[in-house]
Amino acid sequence: MLEYEKYQELQAKSQRMQEDYERQLQEADEGKEQALEELTEYYENKLQEKSSQLEQVSYSVFFIQVLSSQLSPAVEWLCLASALLLQMLSHILWSKY
């Protein structure tokens, strides 16, 4: 009878060890899942930040292009007006002498 009791104790201990092992596996899987969810959320936020920055840069580039296209004719006109004024001043100065 003593051997049968030892056998039952070993069987119960084996059962507990098996349950503990399965519980630890389950906890490890849940931990991995949680870590993956946290990493996914972190990188989704980073992606959103970078997308927002890219959108701001794109808007800035567009604004600069529009501004440049509007300034180019004005700059050309100012250069031409300056050249004309210089010619007029030169003519006035040389005509007096």
PDB file of N, CA and C in Angstrom:
ATOM      1  N   MET A   1       0.805  -1.191   0.000  1.00  0.00           N
ATOM      2  CA  MET A   1       0.000   0.000   0.000  1.00  0.00           C
ATOM      3  C   MET A   1       0.858   1.268   0.000  1.00  0.00           C
ATOM      4  N   LEU A   2       1.992   1.194   0.624  1.00  0.00           N
ATOM      5  CA  LEU A   2       2.885   2.325   0.692  1.00  0.00           C
ATOM      6  C   LEU A   2       3.361   2.735  -0.703  1.00  0.00           C
ATOM      7  N   GLU A   3       3.675   1.769  -1.514  1.00  0.00           N
ATOM      8  CA  GLU A   3       4.115   2.064  -2.876  1.00  0.00           C
ATOM      9  C   GLU A   3       2.999   2.707  -3.703  1.00  0.00           C
ATOM     10  N   TYR A   4       1.786   2.245  -3.472  1.00  0.00           N
ATOM     11  CA  TYR A   4       0.647   2.817  -4.198  1.00  0.00           C
ATOM     12  C   TYR A   4       0.442   4.267  -3.792  1.00  0.00           C
ATOM     13  N   GLU A   5       0.619   4.596  -2.516  1.00  0.00           N
ATOM     14  CA  GLU A   5       0.485   5.975  -2.052  1.00  0.00           C
ATOM     15  C   GLU A   5       1.588   6.851  -2.654  1.00  0.00           C
ATOM     16  N   LYS A   6       2.816   6.313  -2.678  1.00  0.00           N
ATOM     17  CA  LYS A   6       3.924   7.054  -3.299  1.00  0.00           C
ATOM     18  C   LYS A   6       3.637   7.294  -4.780  1.00  0.00           C
ATOM     19  N   TYR A   7       3.100   6.269  -5.413  1.00  0.00           N
ATOM     20  CA  TYR A   7       2.750   6.396  -6.833  1.00  0.00           C
ATOM     21  C   TYR A   7       1.699   7.494  -7.029  1.00  0.00           C
ATOM     22  N   GLN A   8       0.694   7.541  -6.172  1.00  0.00           N
ATOM     23  CA  GLN A   8      -0.344   8.557  -6.265  1.00  0.00           C
ATOM     24  C   GLN A   8       0.228   9.959  -6.009  1.00  0.00           C
ATOM     25  N   GLU A   9       1.129  10.056  -5.037  1.00  0.00           N
ATOM     26  CA  GLU A   9       1.768  11.337  -4.747  1.00  0.00           C
ATOM     27  C   GLU A   9       2.592  11.814  -5.949  1.00  0.00           C
ATOM     28  N   LEU A  10       3.355  10.885  -6.523  1.00  0.00           N
ATOM     29  CA  LEU A  10       4.149  11.235  -7.706  1.00  0.00           C
ATOM     30  C   LEU A  10       3.263  11.621  -8.879  1.00  0.00           C
ATOM     31  N   GLN A  11       2.150  10.911  -9.021  1.00  0.00           N
ATOM     32  CA  GLN A  11       1.225  11.221 -10.111  1.00  0.00           C
ATOM     33  C   GLN A  11       0.593  12.607  -9.891  1.00  0.00           C
ATOM     34  N   ALA A  12       0.225  12.914  -8.654  1.00  0.00           N
ATOM     35  CA  ALA A  12      -0.349  14.229  -8.332  1.00  0.00           C
ATOM     36  C   ALA A  12       0.693  15.325  -8.543  1.00  0.00           C
ATOM     37  N   LYS A  13       1.921  15.046  -8.124  1.00  0.00           N
ATOM     38  CA  LYS A  13       3.001  16.020  -8.316  1.00  0.00           C
ATOM     39  C   LYS A  13       3.260  16.239  -9.802  1.00  0.00           C
ATOM     40  N   SER A  14       3.263  15.159 -10.554  1.00  0.00           N
ATOM     41  CA  SER A  14       3.451  15.254 -12.002  1.00  0.00           C
ATOM     42  C   SER A  14       2.329  16.075 -12.634  1.00  0.00           C
ATOM     43  N   GLN A  15       1.107  15.858 -12.182  1.00  0.00           N
ATOM     44  CA  GLN A  15      -0.051  16.600 -12.693  1.00  0.00           C
ATOM     45  C   GLN A  15       0.101  18.098 -12.382  1.00  0.00           C
ATOM     46  N   ARG A  16       0.513  18.418 -11.148  1.00  0.00           N
ATOM     47  CA  ARG A  16       0.719  19.824 -10.762  1.00  0.00           C
ATOM     48  C   ARG A  16       1.815  20.473 -11.595  1.00  0.00           C
ATOM     49  N   MET A  17       2.902  19.722 -11.795  1.00  0.00           N
ATOM     50  CA  MET A  17       4.010  20.243 -12.599  1.00  0.00           C
ATOM     51  C   MET A  17       3.547  20.506 -14.036  1.00  0.00           C
ATOM     52  N   GLN A  18       2.763  19.582 -14.584  1.00  0.00           N
ATOM     53  CA  GLN A  18       2.233  19.746 -15.939  1.00  0.00           C
ATOM     54  C   GLN A  18       1.337  20.988 -16.009  1.00  0.00           C
ATOM     55  N   GLU A  19       0.469  21.163 -15.008  1.00  0.00           N
ATOM     56  CA  GLU A  19      -0.414  22.334 -14.979  1.00  0.00           C
ATOM     57  C   GLU A  19       0.380  23.633 -14.836  1.00  0.00           C
ATOM     58  N   ASP A  20       1.406  23.610 -13.970  1.00  0.00           N
ATOM     59  CA  ASP A  20       2.259  24.788 -13.811  1.00  0.00           C
ATOM     60  C   ASP A  20       2.966  25.131 -15.123  1.00  0.00           C
ATOM     61  N   TYR A  21       3.478  24.118 -15.773  1.00  0.00           N
ATOM     62  CA  TYR A  21       4.168  24.318 -17.046  1.00  0.00           C
ATOM     63  C   TYR A  21       3.224  24.926 -18.091  1.00  0.00           C
ATOM     64  N   GLU A  22       2.017  24.373 -18.182  1.00  0.00           N
ATOM     65  CA  GLU A  22       1.036  24.898 -19.143  1.00  0.00           C
ATOM     66  C   GLU A  22       0.631  26.329 -18.798  1.00  0.00           C
ATOM     67  N   ARG A  23       0.498  26.625 -17.499  1.00  0.00           N
ATOM     68  CA  ARG A  23       0.166  27.977 -17.056  1.00  0.00           C
ATOM     69  C   ARG A  23       1.295  28.953 -17.430  1.00  0.00           C
ATOM     70  N   GLN A  24       2.532  28.515 -17.195  1.00  0.00           N
ATOM     71  CA  GLN A  24       3.670  29.369 -17.540  1.00  0.00           C
ATOM     72  C   GLN A  24       3.742  29.620 -19.046  1.00  0.00           C
ATOM     73  N   LEU A  25       3.463  28.577 -19.834  1.00  0.00           N
ATOM     74  CA  LEU A  25       3.423  28.753 -21.290  1.00  0.00           C
ATOM     75  C   LEU A  25       2.347  29.755 -21.688  1.00  0.00           C
ATOM     76  N   GLN A  26       1.180  29.639 -21.074  1.00  0.00           N
ATOM     77  CA  GLN A  26       0.075  30.541 -21.360  1.00  0.00           C
ATOM     78  C   GLN A  26       0.453  31.973 -20.986  1.00  0.00           C
ATOM     79  N   GLU A  27       1.063  32.159 -19.820  1.00  0.00           N
ATOM     80  CA  GLU A  27       1.487  33.491 -19.382  1.00  0.00           C
ATOM     81  C   GLU A  27       2.545  34.061 -20.331  1.00  0.00           C
ATOM     82  N   ALA A  28       3.457  33.205 -20.776  1.00  0.00           N
ATOM     83  CA  ALA A  28       4.489  33.660 -21.707  1.00  0.00           C
ATOM     84  C   ALA A  28       3.858  34.096 -23.025  1.00  0.00           C
ATOM     85  N   ASP A  29       2.887  33.321 -23.515  1.00  0.00           N
ATOM     86  CA  ASP A  29       2.194  33.693 -24.749  1.00  0.00           C
ATOM     87  C   ASP A  29       1.457  35.014 -24.587  1.00  0.00           C
ATOM     88  N   GLU A  30       0.792  35.184 -23.437  1.00  0.00           N
ATOM     89  CA  GLU A  30       0.080  36.439 -23.182  1.00  0.00           C
ATOM     90  C   GLU A  30       1.058  37.604 -23.086  1.00  0.00           C
ATOM     91  N   GLY A  31       2.208  37.371 -22.474  1.00  0.00           N
ATOM     92  CA  GLY A  31       3.237  38.409 -22.382  1.00  0.00           C
ATOM     93  C   GLY A  31       3.754  38.803 -23.754  1.00  0.00           C
ATOM     94  N   LYS A  32       3.966  37.810 -24.602  1.00  0.00           N
ATOM     95  CA  LYS A  32       4.414  38.093 -25.974  1.00  0.00           C
ATOM     96  C   LYS A  32       3.366  38.898 -26.725  1.00  0.00           C
ATOM     97  N   GLU A  33       2.101  38.495 -26.562  1.00  0.00           N
ATOM     98  CA  GLU A  33       1.007  39.197 -27.226  1.00  0.00           C
ATOM     99  C   GLU A  33       0.945  40.648 -26.772  1.00  0.00           C
ATOM    100  N   GLN A  34       1.054  40.853 -25.465  1.00  0.00           N
ATOM    101  CA  GLN A  34       1.010  42.208 -24.908  1.00  0.00           C
ATOM    102  C   GLN A  34       2.182  43.030 -25.430  1.00  0.00           C
ATOM    103  N   ALA A  35       3.362  42.440 -25.458  1.00  0.00           N
ATOM    104  CA  ALA A  35       4.541  43.156 -25.954  1.00  0.00           C
ATOM    105  C   ALA A  35       4.370  43.521 -27.428  1.00  0.00           C
ATOM    106  N   LEU A  36       3.839  42.604 -28.223  1.00  0.00           N
ATOM    107  CA  LEU A  36       3.603  42.887 -29.636  1.00  0.00           C
ATOM    108  C   LEU A  36       2.581  44.001 -29.818  1.00  0.00           C
ATOM    109  N   GLU A  37       1.529  43.986 -29.004  1.00  0.00           N
ATOM    110  CA  GLU A  37       0.526  45.046 -29.086  1.00  0.00           C
ATOM    111  C   GLU A  37       1.128  46.400 -28.733  1.00  0.00           C
ATOM    112  N   GLU A  38       1.968  46.421 -27.686  1.00  0.00           N
ATOM    113  CA  GLU A  38       2.609  47.672 -27.285  1.00  0.00           C
ATOM    114  C   GLU A  38       3.564  48.177 -28.371  1.00  0.00           C
ATOM    115  N   LEU A  39       4.346  47.263 -28.941  1.00  0.00           N
ATOM    116  CA  LEU A  39       5.253  47.668 -30.017  1.00  0.00           C
ATOM    117  C   LEU A  39       4.483  48.153 -31.238  1.00  0.00           C
ATOM    118  N   THR A  40       3.406  47.466 -31.560  1.00  0.00           N
ATOM    119  CA  THR A  40       2.586  47.873 -32.697  1.00  0.00           C
ATOM    120  C   THR A  40       2.034  49.271 -32.471  1.00  0.00           C
ATOM    121  N   GLU A  41       1.523  49.514 -31.277  1.00  0.00           N
ATOM    122  CA  GLU A  41       0.975  50.838 -30.957  1.00  0.00           C
ATOM    123  C   GLU A  41       2.069  51.910 -31.012  1.00  0.00           C
ATOM    124  N   TYR A  42       3.248  51.587 -30.469  1.00  0.00           N
ATOM    125  CA  TYR A  42       4.367  52.530 -30.472  1.00  0.00           C
ATOM    126  C   TYR A  42       4.745  52.907 -31.901  1.00  0.00           C
ATOM    127  N   TYR A  43       4.912  51.906 -32.759  1.00  0.00           N
ATOM    128  CA  TYR A  43       5.340  52.190 -34.125  1.00  0.00           C
ATOM    129  C   TYR A  43       4.222  52.800 -34.975  1.00  0.00           C
ATOM    130  N   GLU A  44       2.975  52.494 -34.657  1.00  0.00           N
ATOM    131  CA  GLU A  44       1.880  53.170 -35.348  1.00  0.00           C
ATOM    132  C   GLU A  44       1.879  54.657 -35.002  1.00  0.00           C
ATOM    133  N   ASN A  45       2.131  54.983 -33.732  1.00  0.00           N
ATOM    134  CA  ASN A  45       2.222  56.385 -33.323  1.00  0.00           C
ATOM    135  C   ASN A  45       3.402  57.076 -33.995  1.00  0.00           C
ATOM    136  N   LYS A  46       4.539  56.395 -34.050  1.00  0.00           N
ATOM    137  CA  LYS A  46       5.711  56.964 -34.729  1.00  0.00           C
ATOM    138  C   LYS A  46       5.411  57.209 -36.203  1.00  0.00           C
ATOM    139  N   LEU A  47       4.743  56.252 -36.835  1.00  0.00           N
ATOM    140  CA  LEU A  47       4.386  56.393 -38.243  1.00  0.00           C
ATOM    141  C   LEU A  47       3.448  57.579 -38.440  1.00  0.00           C
ATOM    142  N   GLN A  48       2.504  57.747 -37.529  1.00  0.00           N
ATOM    143  CA  GLN A  48       1.576  58.873 -37.609  1.00  0.00           C
ATOM    144  C   GLN A  48       2.318  60.196 -37.456  1.00  0.00           C
ATOM    145  N   GLU A  49       3.275  60.244 -36.516  1.00  0.00           N
ATOM    146  CA  GLU A  49       4.077  61.457 -36.335  1.00  0.00           C
ATOM    147  C   GLU A  49       4.861  61.782 -37.600  1.00  0.00           C
ATOM    148  N   LYS A  50       5.515  60.773 -38.158  1.00  0.00           N
ATOM    149  CA  LYS A  50       6.320  60.998 -39.366  1.00  0.00           C
ATOM    150  C   LYS A  50       5.434  61.385 -40.544  1.00  0.00           C
ATOM    151  N   SER A  51       4.258  60.793 -40.640  1.00  0.00           N
ATOM    152  CA  SER A  51       3.333  61.152 -41.713  1.00  0.00           C
ATOM    153  C   SER A  51       2.899  62.605 -41.570  1.00  0.00           C
ATOM    154  N   SER A  52       2.654  63.015 -40.340  1.00  0.00           N
ATOM    155  CA  SER A  52       2.261  64.400 -40.082  1.00  0.00           C
ATOM    156  C   SER A  52       3.397  65.354 -40.440  1.00  0.00           C
ATOM    157  N   GLN A  53       4.615  64.989 -40.067  1.00  0.00           N
ATOM    158  CA  GLN A  53       5.779  65.821 -40.408  1.00  0.00           C
ATOM    159  C   GLN A  53       5.965  65.899 -41.917  1.00  0.00           C
ATOM    160  N   LEU A  54       5.794  64.773 -42.579  1.00  0.00           N
ATOM    161  CA  LEU A  54       5.927  64.743 -44.030  1.00  0.00           C
ATOM    162  C   LEU A  54       4.863  65.620 -44.684  1.00  0.00           C
ATOM    163  N   GLU A  55       3.658  65.577 -44.151  1.00  0.00           N
ATOM    164  CA  GLU A  55       2.575  66.404 -44.684  1.00  0.00           C
ATOM    165  C   GLU A  55       2.904  67.884 -44.504  1.00  0.00           C
ATOM    166  N   GLN A  56       3.474  68.240 -43.345  1.00  0.00           N
ATOM    167  CA  GLN A  56       3.857  69.629 -43.104  1.00  0.00           C
ATOM    168  C   GLN A  56       4.964  70.063 -44.067  1.00  0.00           C
ATOM    169  N   VAL A  57       5.934  69.192 -44.280  1.00  0.00           N
ATOM    170  CA  VAL A  57       7.023  69.508 -45.203  1.00  0.00           C
ATOM    171  C   VAL A  57       6.483  69.645 -46.621  1.00  0.00           C
ATOM    172  N   SER A  58       5.588  68.747 -47.004  1.00  0.00           N
ATOM    173  CA  SER A  58       4.998  68.820 -48.341  1.00  0.00           C
ATOM    174  C   SER A  58       4.243  70.134 -48.522  1.00  0.00           C
ATOM    175  N   TYR A  59       3.501  70.538 -47.495  1.00  0.00           N
ATOM    176  CA  TYR A  59       2.773  71.801 -47.563  1.00  0.00           C
ATOM    177  C   TYR A  59       3.752  72.960 -47.679  1.00  0.00           C
ATOM    178  N   SER A  60       4.843  72.902 -46.916  1.00  0.00           N
ATOM    179  CA  SER A  60       5.847  73.970 -46.969  1.00  0.00           C
ATOM    180  C   SER A  60       6.484  74.051 -48.352  1.00  0.00           C
ATOM    181  N   VAL A  61       6.804  72.899 -48.923  1.00  0.00           N
ATOM    182  CA  VAL A  61       7.400  72.881 -50.262  1.00  0.00           C
ATOM    183  C   VAL A  61       6.420  73.460 -51.275  1.00  0.00           C
ATOM    184  N   PHE A  62       5.165  73.086 -51.179  1.00  0.00           N
ATOM    185  CA  PHE A  62       4.140  73.625 -52.080  1.00  0.00           C
ATOM    186  C   PHE A  62       4.036  75.136 -51.921  1.00  0.00           C
ATOM    187  N   PHE A  63       4.025  75.595 -50.669  1.00  0.00           N
ATOM    188  CA  PHE A  63       3.933  77.039 -50.409  1.00  0.00           C
ATOM    189  C   PHE A  63       5.137  77.769 -51.006  1.00  0.00           C
ATOM    190  N   ILE A  64       6.319  77.206 -50.827  1.00  0.00           N
ATOM    191  CA  ILE A  64       7.530  77.828 -51.373  1.00  0.00           C
ATOM    192  C   ILE A  64       7.475  77.861 -52.898  1.00  0.00           C
ATOM    193  N   GLN A  65       6.999  76.773 -53.500  1.00  0.00           N
ATOM    194  CA  GLN A  65       6.880  76.747 -54.959  1.00  0.00           C
ATOM    195  C   GLN A  65       5.903  77.805 -55.451  1.00  0.00           C
ATOM    196  N   VAL A  66       4.765  77.927 -54.774  1.00  0.00           N
ATOM    197  CA  VAL A  66       3.779  78.941 -55.167  1.00  0.00           C
ATOM    198  C   VAL A  66       4.366  80.328 -54.976  1.00  0.00           C
ATOM    199  N   LEU A  67       4.999  80.543 -53.843  1.00  0.00           N
ATOM    200  CA  LEU A  67       5.600  81.845 -53.565  1.00  0.00           C
ATOM    201  C   LEU A  67       6.694  82.160 -54.578  1.00  0.00           C
ATOM    202  N   SER A  68       7.511  81.170 -54.905  1.00  0.00           N
ATOM    203  CA  SER A  68       8.575  81.378 -55.892  1.00  0.00           C
ATOM    204  C   SER A  68       7.991  81.717 -57.254  1.00  0.00           C
ATOM    205  N   SER A  69       6.920  81.021 -57.629  1.00  0.00           N
ATOM    206  CA  SER A  69       6.327  81.305 -58.944  1.00  0.00           C
ATOM    207  C   SER A  69       5.729  82.698 -58.977  1.00  0.00           C
ATOM    208  N   GLN A  70       5.284  83.199 -57.835  1.00  0.00           N
ATOM    209  CA  GLN A  70       4.745  84.552 -57.791  1.00  0.00           C
ATOM    210  C   GLN A  70       5.849  85.592 -57.689  1.00  0.00           C
ATOM    211  N   LEU A  71       6.946  85.241 -57.046  1.00  0.00           N
ATOM    212  CA  LEU A  71       8.039  86.198 -56.877  1.00  0.00           C
ATOM    213  C   LEU A  71       8.909  86.311 -58.115  1.00  0.00           C
ATOM    214  N   SER A  72       9.037  85.238 -58.864  1.00  0.00           N
ATOM    215  CA  SER A  72       9.919  85.273 -60.033  1.00  0.00           C
ATOM    216  C   SER A  72       9.561  86.399 -60.993  1.00  0.00           C
ATOM    217  N   PRO A  73       8.299  86.557 -61.380  1.00  0.00           N
ATOM    218  CA  PRO A  73       7.968  87.677 -62.265  1.00  0.00           C
ATOM    219  C   PRO A  73       8.235  89.032 -61.609  1.00  0.00           C
ATOM    220  N   ALA A  74       7.974  89.121 -60.312  1.00  0.00           N
ATOM    221  CA  ALA A  74       8.216  90.387 -59.621  1.00  0.00           C
ATOM    222  C   ALA A  74       9.707  90.699 -59.591  1.00  0.00           C
ATOM    223  N   VAL A  75      10.525  89.690 -59.353  1.00  0.00           N
ATOM    224  CA  VAL A  75      11.975  89.894 -59.334  1.00  0.00           C
ATOM    225  C   VAL A  75      12.459  90.300 -60.729  1.00  0.00           C
ATOM    226  N   GLU A  76      11.966  89.622 -61.752  1.00  0.00           N
ATOM    227  CA  GLU A  76      12.329  89.999 -63.119  1.00  0.00           C
ATOM    228  C   GLU A  76      11.931  91.442 -63.406  1.00  0.00           C
ATOM    229  N   TRP A  77      10.715  91.821 -63.013  1.00  0.00           N
ATOM    230  CA  TRP A  77      10.235  93.181 -63.250  1.00  0.00           C
ATOM    231  C   TRP A  77      11.117  94.186 -62.521  1.00  0.00           C
ATOM    232  N   LEU A  78      11.504  93.872 -61.265  1.00  0.00           N
ATOM    233  CA  LEU A  78      12.377  94.778 -60.512  1.00  0.00           C
ATOM    234  C   LEU A  78      13.749  94.908 -61.168  1.00  0.00           C
ATOM    235  N   CYS A  79      14.274  93.820 -61.679  1.00  0.00           N
ATOM    236  CA  CYS A  79      15.568  93.867 -62.365  1.00  0.00           C
ATOM    237  C   CYS A  79      15.473  94.729 -63.617  1.00  0.00           C
ATOM    238  N   LEU A  80      14.409  94.537 -64.378  1.00  0.00           N
ATOM    239  CA  LEU A  80      14.230  95.335 -65.588  1.00  0.00           C
ATOM    240  C   LEU A  80      14.024  96.802 -65.246  1.00  0.00           C
ATOM    241  N   ALA A  81      13.223  97.078 -64.226  1.00  0.00           N
ATOM    242  CA  ALA A  81      12.983  98.467 -63.818  1.00  0.00           C
ATOM    243  C   ALA A  81      14.275  99.103 -63.328  1.00  0.00           C
ATOM    244  N   SER A  82      15.070  98.352 -62.587  1.00  0.00           N
ATOM    245  CA  SER A  82      16.350  98.880 -62.104  1.00  0.00           C
ATOM    246  C   SER A  82      17.275  99.186 -63.273  1.00  0.00           C
ATOM    247  N   ALA A  83      17.333  98.273 -64.232  1.00  0.00           N
ATOM    248  CA  ALA A  83      18.189  98.497 -65.401  1.00  0.00           C
ATOM    249  C   ALA A  83      17.717  99.727 -66.170  1.00  0.00           C
ATOM    250  N   LEU A  84      16.421  99.885 -66.321  1.00  0.00           N
ATOM    251  CA  LEU A  84      15.879 101.047 -67.027  1.00  0.00           C
ATOM    252  C   LEU A  84      16.202 102.335 -66.280  1.00  0.00           C
ATOM    253  N   LEU A  85      16.032 102.315 -64.951  1.00  0.00           N
ATOM    254  CA  LEU A  85      16.362 103.500 -64.158  1.00  0.00           C
ATOM    255  C   LEU A  85      17.848 103.834 -64.262  1.00  0.00           C
ATOM    256  N   LEU A  86      18.696 102.835 -64.241  1.00  0.00           N
ATOM    257  CA  LEU A  86      20.134 103.076 -64.388  1.00  0.00           C
ATOM    258  C   LEU A  86      20.456 103.694 -65.746  1.00  0.00           C
ATOM    259  N   GLN A  87      19.782 103.192 -66.776  1.00  0.00           N
ATOM    260  CA  GLN A  87      19.996 103.778 -68.104  1.00  0.00           C
ATOM    261  C   GLN A  87      19.542 105.229 -68.139  1.00  0.00           C
ATOM    262  N   MET A  88      18.381 105.492 -67.529  1.00  0.00           N
ATOM    263  CA  MET A  88      17.873 106.852 -67.512  1.00  0.00           C
ATOM    264  C   MET A  88      18.809 107.772 -66.740  1.00  0.00           C
ATOM    265  N   LEU A  89      19.278 107.317 -65.567  1.00  0.00           N
ATOM    266  CA  LEU A  89      20.212 108.120 -64.781  1.00  0.00           C
ATOM    267  C   LEU A  89      21.511 108.338 -65.547  1.00  0.00           C
ATOM    268  N   SER A  90      21.974 107.289 -66.170  1.00  0.00           N
ATOM    269  CA  SER A  90      23.209 107.409 -66.956  1.00  0.00           C
ATOM    270  C   SER A  90      23.021 108.415 -68.075  1.00  0.00           C
ATOM    271  N   HIS A  91      21.898 108.394 -68.756  1.00  0.00           N
ATOM    272  CA  HIS A  91      21.620 109.315 -69.852  1.00  0.00           C
ATOM    273  C   HIS A  91      21.547 110.766 -69.328  1.00  0.00           C
ATOM    274  N   ILE A  92      20.886 110.922 -68.178  1.00  0.00           N
ATOM    275  CA  ILE A  92      20.762 112.257 -67.589  1.00  0.00           C
ATOM    276  C   ILE A  92      22.107 112.777 -67.191  1.00  0.00           C
ATOM    277  N   LEU A  93      22.906 111.941 -66.527  1.00  0.00           N
ATOM    278  CA  LEU A  93      24.223 112.385 -66.084  1.00  0.00           C
ATOM    279  C   LEU A  93      25.145 112.691 -67.272  1.00  0.00           C
ATOM    280  N   TRP A  94      25.117 111.912 -68.297  1.00  0.00           N
ATOM    281  CA  TRP A  94      26.020 112.108 -69.442  1.00  0.00           C
ATOM    282  C   TRP A  94      25.518 113.234 -70.342  1.00  0.00           C
ATOM    283  N   SER A  95      24.263 113.478 -70.327  1.00  0.00           N
ATOM    284  CA  SER A  95      23.767 114.537 -71.208  1.00  0.00           C
ATOM    285  C   SER A  95      24.099 115.909 -70.672  1.00  0.00           C
ATOM    286  N   LYS A  96      24.346 116.064 -69.383  1.00  0.00           N
ATOM    287  CA  LYS A  96      24.703 117.360 -68.810  1.00  0.00           C
ATOM    288  C   LYS A  96      26.147 117.692 -69.088  1.00  0.00           C
ATOM    289  N   TYR A  97      26.967 116.716 -69.360  1.00  0.00           N
ATOM    290  CA  TYR A  97      28.382 117.002 -69.560  1.00  0.00           C
ATOM    291  C   TYR A  97      28.729 116.935 -70.969  1.00  0.00           C
TER     292      TYR A  97
END
